[in-house]
PDB file of all heavy atoms in Angstrom:
ATOM      1  N   ASP A   1      68.126 122.681 215.211  1.00  0.00           N
ATOM      2  CA  ASP A   1      68.287 123.561 214.053  1.00  0.00           C
ATOM      3  C   ASP A   1      69.778 123.915 213.893  1.00  0.00           C
ATOM      4  O   ASP A   1      70.260 124.002 212.748  1.00  0.00           O
ATOM      5  CB  ASP A   1      67.466 124.804 214.194  1.00  0.00           C
ATOM      6  CG  ASP A   1      66.006 124.583 213.932  1.00  0.00           C
ATOM      7  OD1 ASP A   1      65.604 123.449 213.595  1.00  0.00           O
ATOM      8  OD2 ASP A   1      65.184 125.546 214.080  1.00  0.00           O
ATOM      9  N   ALA A   2      70.426 124.214 214.976  1.00  0.00           N
ATOM     10  CA  ALA A   2      71.830 124.652 214.929  1.00  0.00           C
ATOM     11  C   ALA A   2      72.790 123.468 214.911  1.00  0.00           C
ATOM     12  O   ALA A   2      74.007 123.662 214.691  1.00  0.00           O
ATOM     13  CB  ALA A   2      72.161 125.538 216.128  1.00  0.00           C
ATOM     14  N   ILE A   3      72.289 122.263 215.095  1.00  0.00           N
ATOM     15  CA  ILE A   3      73.086 121.046 215.129  1.00  0.00           C
ATOM     16  C   ILE A   3      74.196 121.178 216.159  1.00  0.00           C
ATOM     17  O   ILE A   3      75.406 121.093 215.850  1.00  0.00           O
ATOM     18  CB  ILE A   3      73.649 120.670 213.750  1.00  0.00           C
ATOM     19  CG1 ILE A   3      72.617 120.882 212.640  1.00  0.00           C
ATOM     20  CG2 ILE A   3      74.154 119.225 213.723  1.00  0.00           C
ATOM     21  CD1 ILE A   3      73.145 120.662 211.250  1.00  0.00           C
ATOM     22  N   VAL A   4      73.805 121.367 217.409  1.00  0.00           N
ATOM     23  CA  VAL A   4      74.744 121.454 218.511  1.00  0.00           C
ATOM     24  C   VAL A   4      74.316 120.520 219.644  1.00  0.00           C
ATOM     25  O   VAL A   4      73.149 120.141 219.736  1.00  0.00           O
ATOM     26  CB  VAL A   4      74.844 122.918 219.078  1.00  0.00           C
ATOM     27  CG1 VAL A   4      75.477 123.874 218.061  1.00  0.00           C
ATOM     28  CG2 VAL A   4      73.444 123.438 219.471  1.00  0.00           C
ATOM     29  N   SER A   5      75.249 120.202 220.499  1.00  0.00           N
ATOM     30  CA  SER A   5      75.017 119.371 221.665  1.00  0.00           C
ATOM     31  C   SER A   5      75.052 120.248 222.897  1.00  0.00           C
ATOM     32  O   SER A   5      76.039 120.959 223.140  1.00  0.00           O
ATOM     33  CB  SER A   5      76.063 118.267 221.784  1.00  0.00           C
ATOM     34  OG  SER A   5      75.948 117.590 223.036  1.00  0.00           O
ATOM     35  N   LEU A   6      73.995 120.231 223.692  1.00  0.00           N
ATOM     36  CA  LEU A   6      73.913 121.080 224.882  1.00  0.00           C
ATOM     37  C   LEU A   6      74.518 120.392 226.100  1.00  0.00           C
ATOM     38  O   LEU A   6      73.974 120.272 227.187  1.00  0.00           O
ATOM     39  CB  LEU A   6      72.429 121.424 225.188  1.00  0.00           C
ATOM     40  CG  LEU A   6      71.665 122.062 224.024  1.00  0.00           C
ATOM     41  CD1 LEU A   6      70.290 122.511 224.505  1.00  0.00           C
ATOM     42  CD2 LEU A   6      72.429 123.217 223.397  1.00  0.00           C
ATOM     43  N   THR A   7      75.763 119.949 225.903  1.00  0.00           N
ATOM     44  CA  THR A   7      76.530 119.232 226.934  1.00  0.00           C
ATOM     45  C   THR A   7      77.951 119.824 227.010  1.00  0.00           C
ATOM     46  O   THR A   7      78.367 120.547 226.085  1.00  0.00           O
ATOM     47  CB  THR A   7      76.650 117.737 226.614  1.00  0.00           C
ATOM     48  OG1 THR A   7      77.392 117.603 225.390  1.00  0.00           O
ATOM     49  CG2 THR A   7      75.258 117.108 226.434  1.00  0.00           C
ATOM     50  N   PRO A   8      78.675 119.536 228.071  1.00  0.00           N
ATOM     51  CA  PRO A   8      80.057 120.013 228.140  1.00  0.00           C
ATOM     52  C   PRO A   8      80.899 119.625 226.933  1.00  0.00           C
ATOM     53  O   PRO A   8      81.810 120.364 226.520  1.00  0.00           O
ATOM     54  CB  PRO A   8      80.579 119.392 229.431  1.00  0.00           C
ATOM     55  CG  PRO A   8      79.351 119.236 230.292  1.00  0.00           C
ATOM     56  CD  PRO A   8      78.259 118.869 229.332  1.00  0.00           C
ATOM     57  N   GLU A   9      80.620 118.475 226.323  1.00  0.00           N
ATOM     58  CA  GLU A   9      81.378 118.042 225.164  1.00  0.00           C
ATOM     59  C   GLU A   9      81.157 118.979 223.972  1.00  0.00           C
ATOM     60  O   GLU A   9      82.020 119.062 223.084  1.00  0.00           O
ATOM     61  CB  GLU A   9      80.969 116.634 224.778  1.00  0.00           C
ATOM     62  CG  GLU A   9      81.389 115.552 225.763  1.00  0.00           C
ATOM     63  CD  GLU A   9      80.587 115.561 227.072  1.00  0.00           C
ATOM     64  OE1 GLU A   9      79.412 116.016 227.033  1.00  0.00           O
ATOM     65  OE2 GLU A   9      81.119 115.079 228.078  1.00  0.00           O
ATOM     66  N   GLY A  10      80.029 119.675 223.929  1.00  0.00           N
ATOM     67  CA  GLY A  10      79.743 120.583 222.835  1.00  0.00           C
ATOM     68  C   GLY A  10      80.170 122.019 223.101  1.00  0.00           C
ATOM     69  O   GLY A  10      79.829 122.935 222.331  1.00  0.00           O
ATOM     70  N   PHE A  11      80.935 122.229 224.154  1.00  0.00           N
ATOM     71  CA  PHE A  11      81.272 123.558 224.635  1.00  0.00           C
ATOM     72  C   PHE A  11      81.843 124.487 223.529  1.00  0.00           C
ATOM     73  O   PHE A  11      81.343 125.579 223.324  1.00  0.00           O
ATOM     74  CB  PHE A  11      82.320 123.402 225.759  1.00  0.00           C
ATOM     75  CG  PHE A  11      82.687 124.635 226.500  1.00  0.00           C
ATOM     76  CD1 PHE A  11      81.925 125.076 227.583  1.00  0.00           C
ATOM     77  CD2 PHE A  11      83.811 125.388 226.161  1.00  0.00           C
ATOM     78  CE1 PHE A  11      82.246 126.230 228.302  1.00  0.00           C
ATOM     79  CE2 PHE A  11      84.152 126.522 226.843  1.00  0.00           C
ATOM     80  CZ  PHE A  11      83.381 126.929 227.926  1.00  0.00           C
ATOM     81  N   SER A  12      82.871 124.030 222.827  1.00  0.00           N
ATOM     82  CA  SER A  12      83.519 124.897 221.830  1.00  0.00           C
ATOM     83  C   SER A  12      82.605 125.211 220.651  1.00  0.00           C
ATOM     84  O   SER A  12      82.559 126.365 220.182  1.00  0.00           O
ATOM     85  CB  SER A  12      84.800 124.223 221.321  1.00  0.00           C
ATOM     86  OG  SER A  12      85.741 124.086 222.372  1.00  0.00           O
ATOM     87  N   GLU A  13      81.871 124.225 220.195  1.00  0.00           N
ATOM     88  CA  GLU A  13      80.956 124.454 219.050  1.00  0.00           C
ATOM     89  C   GLU A  13      79.817 125.379 219.471  1.00  0.00           C
ATOM     90  O   GLU A  13      79.342 126.216 218.636  1.00  0.00           O
ATOM     91  CB  GLU A  13      80.393 123.125 218.555  1.00  0.00           C
ATOM     92  CG  GLU A  13      79.613 123.274 217.253  1.00  0.00           C
ATOM     93  CD  GLU A  13      79.155 121.964 216.679  1.00  0.00           C
ATOM     94  OE1 GLU A  13      78.969 121.008 217.450  1.00  0.00           O
ATOM     95  OE2 GLU A  13      79.026 121.888 215.463  1.00  0.00           O
ATOM     96  N   LEU A  14      79.366 125.262 220.717  1.00  0.00           N
ATOM     97  CA  LEU A  14      78.329 126.179 221.187  1.00  0.00           C
ATOM     98  C   LEU A  14      78.784 127.615 221.179  1.00  0.00           C
ATOM     99  O   LEU A  14      78.037 128.519 220.769  1.00  0.00           O
ATOM    100  CB  LEU A  14      77.914 125.780 222.624  1.00  0.00           C
ATOM    101  CG  LEU A  14      77.087 124.510 222.762  1.00  0.00           C
ATOM    102  CD1 LEU A  14      77.048 124.044 224.211  1.00  0.00           C
ATOM    103  CD2 LEU A  14      75.647 124.756 222.265  1.00  0.00           C
ATOM    104  N   ILE A  15      80.030 127.846 221.555  1.00  0.00           N
ATOM    105  CA  ILE A  15      80.583 129.213 221.513  1.00  0.00           C
ATOM    106  C   ILE A  15      80.627 129.697 220.080  1.00  0.00           C
ATOM    107  O   ILE A  15      80.179 130.822 219.772  1.00  0.00           O
ATOM    108  CB  ILE A  15      81.992 129.257 222.144  1.00  0.00           C
ATOM    109  CG1 ILE A  15      81.930 128.950 223.637  1.00  0.00           C
ATOM    110  CG2 ILE A  15      82.627 130.636 221.939  1.00  0.00           C
ATOM    111  CD1 ILE A  15      83.284 128.758 224.294  1.00  0.00           C
ATOM    112  N   ASP A  16      81.199 128.883 219.178  1.00  0.00           N
ATOM    113  CA  ASP A  16      81.365 129.323 217.810  1.00  0.00           C
ATOM    114  C   ASP A  16      80.038 129.616 217.154  1.00  0.00           C
ATOM    115  O   ASP A  16      79.836 130.717 216.544  1.00  0.00           O
ATOM    116  CB  ASP A  16      82.077 128.212 217.003  1.00  0.00           C
ATOM    117  CG  ASP A  16      83.518 128.026 217.437  1.00  0.00           C
ATOM    118  OD1 ASP A  16      84.046 128.954 218.086  1.00  0.00           O
ATOM    119  OD2 ASP A  16      84.109 126.957 217.139  1.00  0.00           O
ATOM    120  N   LYS A  17      79.092 128.694 217.242  1.00  0.00           N
ATOM    121  CA  LYS A  17      77.796 128.903 216.585  1.00  0.00           C
ATOM    122  C   LYS A  17      76.970 129.945 217.295  1.00  0.00           C
ATOM    123  O   LYS A  17      76.231 130.706 216.659  1.00  0.00           O
ATOM    124  CB  LYS A  17      77.058 127.582 216.490  1.00  0.00           C
ATOM    125  CG  LYS A  17      77.706 126.615 215.480  1.00  0.00           C
ATOM    126  CD  LYS A  17      76.852 125.372 215.233  1.00  0.00           C
ATOM    127  CE  LYS A  17      77.433 124.528 214.129  1.00  0.00           C
ATOM    128  NZ  LYS A  17      76.639 123.288 213.849  1.00  0.00           N
ATOM    129  N   GLY A  18      77.083 130.025 218.626  1.00  0.00           N
ATOM    130  CA  GLY A  18      76.355 131.041 219.360  1.00  0.00           C
ATOM    131  C   GLY A  18      76.743 132.458 218.928  1.00  0.00           C
ATOM    132  O   GLY A  18      75.896 133.334 218.745  1.00  0.00           O
ATOM    133  N   MET A  19      78.043 132.696 218.726  1.00  0.00           N
ATOM    134  CA  MET A  19      78.521 133.996 218.299  1.00  0.00           C
ATOM    135  C   MET A  19      78.164 134.271 216.841  1.00  0.00           C
ATOM    136  O   MET A  19      77.858 135.411 216.493  1.00  0.00           O
ATOM    137  CB  MET A  19      80.034 134.098 218.523  1.00  0.00           C
ATOM    138  CG  MET A  19      80.404 134.090 220.014  1.00  0.00           C
ATOM    139  SD  MET A  19      79.586 135.394 220.985  1.00  0.00           S
ATOM    140  CE  MET A  19      80.310 136.875 220.264  1.00  0.00           C
ATOM    141  N   ILE A  20      78.217 133.250 215.982  1.00  0.00           N
ATOM    142  CA  ILE A  20      77.804 133.428 214.585  1.00  0.00           C
ATOM    143  C   ILE A  20      76.335 133.854 214.479  1.00  0.00           C
ATOM    144  O   ILE A  20      75.988 134.752 213.757  1.00  0.00           O
ATOM    145  CB  ILE A  20      78.066 132.140 213.783  1.00  0.00           C
ATOM    146  CG1 ILE A  20      79.554 131.916 213.607  1.00  0.00           C
ATOM    147  CG2 ILE A  20      77.356 132.162 212.450  1.00  0.00           C
ATOM    148  CD1 ILE A  20      79.901 130.534 213.048  1.00  0.00           C
ATOM    149  N   ILE A  21      75.485 133.147 215.260  1.00  0.00           N
ATOM    150  CA  ILE A  21      74.059 133.485 215.249  1.00  0.00           C
ATOM    151  C   ILE A  21      73.832 134.860 215.830  1.00  0.00           C
ATOM    152  O   ILE A  21      73.054 135.645 215.244  1.00  0.00           O
ATOM    153  CB  ILE A  21      73.277 132.410 216.061  1.00  0.00           C
ATOM    154  CG1 ILE A  21      73.307 131.087 215.324  1.00  0.00           C
ATOM    155  CG2 ILE A  21      71.826 132.872 216.283  1.00  0.00           C
ATOM    156  CD1 ILE A  21      72.814 129.908 216.166  1.00  0.00           C
ATOM    157  N   LYS A  22      74.502 135.196 216.899  1.00  0.00           N
ATOM    158  CA  LYS A  22      74.327 136.519 217.507  1.00  0.00           C
ATOM    159  C   LYS A  22      74.656 137.637 216.519  1.00  0.00           C
ATOM    160  O   LYS A  22      73.921 138.597 216.373  1.00  0.00           O
ATOM    161  CB  LYS A  22      75.203 136.621 218.773  1.00  0.00           C
ATOM    162  CG  LYS A  22      75.172 137.992 219.463  1.00  0.00           C
ATOM    163  CD  LYS A  22      76.089 137.992 220.695  1.00  0.00           C
ATOM    164  CE  LYS A  22      76.196 139.391 221.280  1.00  0.00           C
ATOM    165  NZ  LYS A  22      77.038 139.400 222.507  1.00  0.00           N
ATOM    166  N   ARG A  23      75.788 137.489 215.837  1.00  0.00           N
ATOM    167  CA  ARG A  23      76.200 138.518 214.894  1.00  0.00           C
ATOM    168  C   ARG A  23      75.222 138.626 213.721  1.00  0.00           C
ATOM    169  O   ARG A  23      74.937 139.725 213.231  1.00  0.00           O
ATOM    170  CB  ARG A  23      77.617 138.263 214.399  1.00  0.00           C
ATOM    171  CG  ARG A  23      78.651 138.373 215.539  1.00  0.00           C
ATOM    172  CD  ARG A  23      80.075 138.153 215.030  1.00  0.00           C
ATOM    173  NE  ARG A  23      81.037 138.156 216.115  1.00  0.00           N
ATOM    174  CZ  ARG A  23      81.722 137.102 216.512  1.00  0.00           C
ATOM    175  NH1 ARG A  23      81.600 135.958 215.856  1.00  0.00           N
ATOM    176  NH2 ARG A  23      82.575 137.185 217.504  1.00  0.00           N
ATOM    177  N   ALA A  24      74.739 137.458 213.254  1.00  0.00           N
ATOM    178  CA  ALA A  24      73.790 137.479 212.116  1.00  0.00           C
ATOM    179  C   ALA A  24      72.479 138.152 212.497  1.00  0.00           C
ATOM    180  O   ALA A  24      71.915 138.935 211.745  1.00  0.00           O
ATOM    181  CB  ALA A  24      73.549 136.044 211.641  1.00  0.00           C
ATOM    182  N   ILE A  25      72.001 137.873 213.702  1.00  0.00           N
ATOM    183  CA  ILE A  25      70.741 138.474 214.164  1.00  0.00           C
ATOM    184  C   ILE A  25      70.926 139.971 214.432  1.00  0.00           C
ATOM    185  O   ILE A  25      70.038 140.780 214.136  1.00  0.00           O
ATOM    186  CB  ILE A  25      70.235 137.757 215.425  1.00  0.00           C
ATOM    187  CG1 ILE A  25      69.908 136.290 215.132  1.00  0.00           C
ATOM    188  CG2 ILE A  25      69.007 138.487 216.003  1.00  0.00           C
ATOM    189  CD1 ILE A  25      68.832 136.089 214.080  1.00  0.00           C
ATOM    190  N   MET A  26      72.083 140.379 214.935  1.00  0.00           N
ATOM    191  CA  MET A  26      72.362 141.783 215.148  1.00  0.00           C
ATOM    192  C   MET A  26      72.324 142.573 213.821  1.00  0.00           C
ATOM    193  O   MET A  26      71.887 143.715 213.794  1.00  0.00           O
ATOM    194  CB  MET A  26      73.722 141.950 215.835  1.00  0.00           C
ATOM    195  CG  MET A  26      73.710 141.555 217.287  1.00  0.00           C
ATOM    196  SD  MET A  26      75.417 141.508 218.016  1.00  0.00           S
ATOM    197  CE  MET A  26      75.905 143.225 217.861  1.00  0.00           C
ATOM    198  N   GLU A  27      72.794 141.943 212.736  1.00  0.00           N
ATOM    199  CA  GLU A  27      72.776 142.610 211.440  1.00  0.00           C
ATOM    200  C   GLU A  27      71.345 142.729 210.909  1.00  0.00           C
ATOM    201  O   GLU A  27      71.009 143.693 210.220  1.00  0.00           O
ATOM    202  CB  GLU A  27      73.633 141.816 210.453  1.00  0.00           C
ATOM    203  CG  GLU A  27      75.128 141.955 210.708  1.00  0.00           C
ATOM    204  CD  GLU A  27      75.933 141.232 209.638  1.00  0.00           C
ATOM    205  OE1 GLU A  27      75.333 140.737 208.655  1.00  0.00           O
ATOM    206  OE2 GLU A  27      77.168 141.159 209.808  1.00  0.00           O
ATOM    207  N   LYS A  28      70.520 141.780 211.252  1.00  0.00           N
ATOM    208  CA  LYS A  28      69.142 141.737 210.708  1.00  0.00           C
ATOM    209  C   LYS A  28      68.180 142.598 211.508  1.00  0.00           C
ATOM    210  O   LYS A  28      67.212 143.182 210.934  1.00  0.00           O
ATOM    211  CB  LYS A  28      68.644 140.306 210.659  1.00  0.00           C
ATOM    212  CG  LYS A  28      67.277 140.122 210.003  1.00  0.00           C
ATOM    213  CD  LYS A  28      66.872 138.674 209.873  1.00  0.00           C
ATOM    214  CE  LYS A  28      65.483 138.542 209.240  1.00  0.00           C
ATOM    215  NZ  LYS A  28      65.040 137.140 209.159  1.00  0.00           N
ATOM    216  N   HIS A  29      68.335 142.668 212.831  1.00  0.00           N
ATOM    217  CA  HIS A  29      67.381 143.351 213.692  1.00  0.00           C
ATOM    218  C   HIS A  29      68.008 144.503 214.492  1.00  0.00           C
ATOM    219  O   HIS A  29      69.084 144.342 215.043  1.00  0.00           O
ATOM    220  CB  HIS A  29      66.765 142.377 214.712  1.00  0.00           C
ATOM    221  CG  HIS A  29      65.921 141.292 214.070  1.00  0.00           C
ATOM    222  ND1 HIS A  29      64.598 141.463 213.723  1.00  0.00           N
ATOM    223  CD2 HIS A  29      66.261 140.006 213.728  1.00  0.00           C
ATOM    224  CE1 HIS A  29      64.134 140.345 213.206  1.00  0.00           C
ATOM    225  NE2 HIS A  29      65.100 139.454 213.195  1.00  0.00           N
ATOM    226  N   GLU A  30      67.312 145.619 214.508  1.00  0.00           N
ATOM    227  CA  GLU A  30      67.694 146.728 215.366  1.00  0.00           C
ATOM    228  C   GLU A  30      66.765 146.699 216.587  1.00  0.00           C
ATOM    229  O   GLU A  30      65.571 146.862 216.462  1.00  0.00           O
ATOM    230  CB  GLU A  30      67.578 148.073 214.641  1.00  0.00           C
ATOM    231  CG  GLU A  30      68.005 149.253 215.511  1.00  0.00           C
ATOM    232  CD  GLU A  30      67.918 150.551 214.757  1.00  0.00           C
ATOM    233  OE1 GLU A  30      67.566 150.555 213.559  1.00  0.00           O
ATOM    234  OE2 GLU A  30      68.148 151.597 215.389  1.00  0.00           O
ATOM    235  N   LEU A  31      67.346 146.464 217.755  1.00  0.00           N
ATOM    236  CA  LEU A  31      66.542 146.335 218.975  1.00  0.00           C
ATOM    237  C   LEU A  31      66.332 147.686 219.632  1.00  0.00           C
ATOM    238  O   LEU A  31      67.257 148.487 219.712  1.00  0.00           O
ATOM    239  CB  LEU A  31      67.235 145.366 219.945  1.00  0.00           C
ATOM    240  CG  LEU A  31      67.438 143.954 219.403  1.00  0.00           C
ATOM    241  CD1 LEU A  31      68.244 143.114 220.382  1.00  0.00           C
ATOM    242  CD2 LEU A  31      66.080 143.283 219.095  1.00  0.00           C
ATOM    243  N   LYS A  32      65.146 147.929 220.115  1.00  0.00           N
ATOM    244  CA  LYS A  32      64.809 149.209 220.693  1.00  0.00           C
ATOM    245  C   LYS A  32      64.040 149.017 221.999  1.00  0.00           C
ATOM    246  O   LYS A  32      62.888 148.581 222.000  1.00  0.00           O
ATOM    247  CB  LYS A  32      63.948 150.051 219.734  1.00  0.00           C
ATOM    248  CG  LYS A  32      63.554 151.417 220.243  1.00  0.00           C
ATOM    249  CD  LYS A  32      64.727 152.354 220.307  1.00  0.00           C
ATOM    250  CE  LYS A  32      64.290 153.762 220.698  1.00  0.00           C
ATOM    251  NZ  LYS A  32      65.439 154.673 220.912  1.00  0.00           N
ATOM    252  N   HIS A  33      64.725 149.235 223.145  1.00  0.00           N
ATOM    253  CA  HIS A  33      64.048 149.125 224.433  1.00  0.00           C
ATOM    254  C   HIS A  33      63.041 150.262 224.588  1.00  0.00           C
ATOM    255  O   HIS A  33      63.275 151.381 224.111  1.00  0.00           O
ATOM    256  CB  HIS A  33      65.108 149.195 225.565  1.00  0.00           C
ATOM    257  CG  HIS A  33      64.559 148.914 226.907  1.00  0.00           C
ATOM    258  ND1 HIS A  33      64.072 149.905 227.739  1.00  0.00           N
ATOM    259  CD2 HIS A  33      64.415 147.753 227.584  1.00  0.00           C
ATOM    260  CE1 HIS A  33      63.653 149.338 228.853  1.00  0.00           C
ATOM    261  NE2 HIS A  33      63.851 148.062 228.801  1.00  0.00           N
ATOM    262  N   PRO A  34      61.911 150.005 225.238  1.00  0.00           N
ATOM    263  CA  PRO A  34      60.878 151.016 225.317  1.00  0.00           C
ATOM    264  C   PRO A  34      61.309 152.333 226.016  1.00  0.00           C
ATOM    265  O   PRO A  34      60.741 153.392 225.742  1.00  0.00           O
ATOM    266  CB  PRO A  34      59.755 150.343 226.102  1.00  0.00           C
ATOM    267  CG  PRO A  34      59.995 148.892 225.922  1.00  0.00           C
ATOM    268  CD  PRO A  34      61.475 148.716 225.785  1.00  0.00           C
ATOM    269  N   PHE A  35      62.322 152.228 226.941  1.00  0.00           N
ATOM    270  CA  PHE A  35      62.601 153.390 227.751  1.00  0.00           C
ATOM    271  C   PHE A  35      64.106 153.736 227.837  1.00  0.00           C
ATOM    272  O   PHE A  35      64.448 154.888 228.084  1.00  0.00           O
ATOM    273  CB  PHE A  35      62.050 153.216 229.168  1.00  0.00           C
ATOM    274  CG  PHE A  35      60.604 152.939 229.210  1.00  0.00           C
ATOM    275  CD1 PHE A  35      60.096 151.671 229.485  1.00  0.00           C
ATOM    276  CD2 PHE A  35      59.681 153.952 228.918  1.00  0.00           C
ATOM    277  CE1 PHE A  35      58.731 151.408 229.527  1.00  0.00           C
ATOM    278  CE2 PHE A  35      58.307 153.677 228.951  1.00  0.00           C
ATOM    279  CZ  PHE A  35      57.831 152.445 229.248  1.00  0.00           C
ATOM    280  N   GLU A  36      65.009 152.750 227.648  1.00  0.00           N
ATOM    281  CA  GLU A  36      66.431 153.000 227.894  1.00  0.00           C
ATOM    282  C   GLU A  36      67.254 152.606 226.664  1.00  0.00           C
ATOM    283  O   GLU A  36      67.362 151.465 226.298  1.00  0.00           O
ATOM    284  CB  GLU A  36      66.929 152.181 229.107  1.00  0.00           C
ATOM    285  CG  GLU A  36      66.320 152.599 230.441  1.00  0.00           C
ATOM    286  CD  GLU A  36      66.816 153.960 230.911  1.00  0.00           C
ATOM    287  OE1 GLU A  36      67.743 154.536 230.265  1.00  0.00           O
ATOM    288  OE2 GLU A  36      66.291 154.451 231.949  1.00  0.00           O
TER     289      GLU A  36
END
């Protein structure tokens, strides 16, 4: 789905897309731990 390679050769793209996805999901979802 993300069009990435899970190998050392894909290292830089994994970082870039991983952070883009993380930030997009953080904007969409508010996470609430049950106790902390």
